[in-house]
Amino acid sequence: QVQLVESGGGLVQPGGSLRLSCAASTSLFAIYAMGWYRQAPGKQRELVAAIGSRGVTNYADSVKGRFTISRDNAKNTVYLQMNSLMPEDTAVYYCNGWGAVQWSWGQGTQVTVSS
């Protein structure tokens, strides 16, 4: 079973930035499309950004122009650079496969945007 370990969350003021990382325990990481998801209190988990095996990206409208997803296949890691953060970005952020392949969810990383 692939394990996913997210890190990089924290408390940040509105307008600030954070960079999230997610390490996946699979040597086949490069062939999988990966996504970043988030779940705010009382809301369903939603896709924030995704990146295909060849680097094609996709973003939720709410984060376009502010968030950037990237991957380093040599490190089996996917990143989410988050800029111009807003209070509504507050949530637990998770990574997982995007599309047909998904694994058990990791513990996520908490992002709190507040002054």
Protein backbone atom coordinates (compact mmCIF):
# COMPACT_ATOMS: atom_id res chain seq x y z
CA GLN A 1 0.00 0.00 0.00
CA VAL A 2 1.33 3.41 -0.94
CA GLN A 3 1.81 5.80 1.95
CA LEU A 4 1.37 9.54 1.50
CA VAL A 5 3.00 11.98 3.91
CA GLU A 6 2.05 15.65 3.68
CA SER A 7 3.99 18.46 5.32
CA GLY A 8 4.52 22.20 5.20
CA GLY A 9 1.28 23.53 6.62
CA GLY A 10 1.00 26.14 9.32
CA LEU A 11 -0.48 29.44 10.41
CA VAL A 12 -0.04 32.31 7.99
CA GLN A 13 -1.48 35.79 7.66
CA PRO A 14 -3.72 36.73 4.73
CA GLY A 15 -1.58 37.48 1.72
CA GLY A 16 1.15 35.14 2.88
CA SER A 17 2.63 32.05 1.26
CA LEU A 18 3.24 28.42 2.11
CA ARG A 19 4.76 25.50 0.26
CA LEU A 20 3.31 22.07 0.89
CA SER A 21 5.11 18.82 0.15
CA CYS A 22 3.82 15.29 -0.22
CA ALA A 23 6.09 12.27 -0.36
CA ALA A 24 4.71 9.05 -1.82
CA SER A 25 6.18 5.63 -1.02
CA THR A 26 6.09 4.19 -4.50
CA SER A 27 8.85 3.69 -7.03
CA LEU A 28 6.23 4.09 -9.76
CA PHE A 29 5.43 7.66 -8.69
CA ALA A 30 6.36 9.08 -12.09
CA ILE A 31 3.53 7.30 -13.90
CA TYR A 32 0.76 8.57 -11.65
CA ALA A 33 -1.22 11.76 -11.96
CA MET A 34 -1.27 13.44 -8.55
CA GLY A 35 -3.57 15.91 -6.90
CA TRP A 36 -3.79 18.20 -3.92
CA TYR A 37 -7.13 18.21 -2.12
CA ARG A 38 -8.45 20.13 0.84
CA GLN A 39 -11.21 19.78 3.37
CA ALA A 40 -12.48 22.69 5.40
CA PRO A 41 -14.55 22.18 8.55
CA GLY A 42 -18.08 21.14 7.68
CA LYS A 43 -17.31 20.85 3.97
CA GLN A 44 -16.58 18.04 1.58
CA ARG A 45 -13.07 17.33 0.40
CA GLU A 46 -12.36 19.10 -2.88
CA LEU A 47 -9.68 18.96 -5.54
CA VAL A 48 -7.45 22.02 -5.48
CA ALA A 49 -4.84 21.23 -8.11
CA ALA A 50 -3.66 18.27 -10.14
CA ILE A 51 -0.66 17.38 -12.26
CA GLY A 52 -0.42 14.64 -14.84
CA SER A 53 2.47 12.27 -15.33
CA ARG A 54 3.78 14.54 -18.08
CA GLY A 55 3.35 17.75 -16.10
CA VAL A 56 0.02 19.01 -17.41
CA THR A 57 -1.70 20.91 -14.62
CA ASN A 58 -5.27 21.64 -13.63
CA TYR A 59 -6.57 24.04 -10.98
CA ALA A 60 -9.79 24.79 -9.20
CA ASP A 61 -11.11 28.21 -10.18
CA SER A 62 -10.77 29.40 -6.60
CA VAL A 63 -6.98 29.01 -6.63
CA LYS A 64 -6.04 29.79 -10.24
CA GLY A 65 -3.26 32.33 -10.40
CA ARG A 66 -2.39 31.86 -6.72
CA PHE A 67 -1.41 28.20 -6.36
CA THR A 68 1.13 26.21 -8.35
CA ILE A 69 1.45 22.44 -8.34
CA SER A 70 4.70 20.76 -9.32
CA ARG A 71 6.40 17.41 -8.96
CA ASP A 72 9.86 15.96 -8.55
CA ASN A 73 9.75 12.38 -9.77
CA ALA A 74 13.29 11.70 -8.55
CA LYS A 75 12.09 12.40 -5.02
CA ASN A 76 8.62 10.85 -5.39
CA THR A 77 7.26 14.18 -4.20
CA VAL A 78 4.53 16.57 -5.28
CA TYR A 79 4.47 20.20 -4.14
CA LEU A 80 1.88 22.93 -3.80
CA GLN A 81 3.12 26.50 -3.73
CA MET A 82 0.39 28.69 -2.28
CA ASN A 83 0.62 32.46 -2.62
CA SER A 84 -1.78 35.28 -1.77
CA LEU A 85 -3.46 33.08 0.79
CA MET A 86 -6.93 34.01 1.96
CA PRO A 87 -8.91 32.98 5.06
CA GLU A 88 -11.10 30.79 2.87
CA ASP A 89 -8.04 28.69 2.03
CA THR A 90 -8.05 27.44 5.62
CA ALA A 91 -8.39 23.65 5.53
CA VAL A 92 -6.57 20.38 5.94
CA TYR A 93 -4.65 19.70 2.74
CA TYR A 94 -4.08 16.20 1.41
CA CYS A 95 -2.41 14.71 -1.61
CA ASN A 96 -3.47 11.59 -3.46
CA GLY A 97 -3.66 10.18 -6.92
CA TRP A 98 -5.81 12.03 -9.42
CA GLY A 99 -8.04 10.02 -11.67
CA ALA A 100 -8.33 6.25 -11.68
CA VAL A 101 -5.70 5.53 -9.05
CA GLN A 102 -6.04 6.61 -5.44
CA TRP A 103 -4.66 5.24 -2.20
CA SER A 104 -5.52 5.54 1.46
CA TRP A 105 -5.50 9.15 2.58
CA GLY A 106 -2.62 10.42 4.66
CA GLN A 107 -2.92 12.55 7.77
CA GLY A 108 -2.93 15.77 5.80
CA THR A 109 -1.38 19.06 6.80
CA GLN A 110 -3.32 21.91 8.39
CA VAL A 111 -3.25 25.31 6.72
CA THR A 112 -4.72 28.18 8.70
CA VAL A 113 -4.95 31.66 7.20
CA SER A 114 -5.74 34.22 9.84
CA SER A 115 -4.62 37.59 11.11
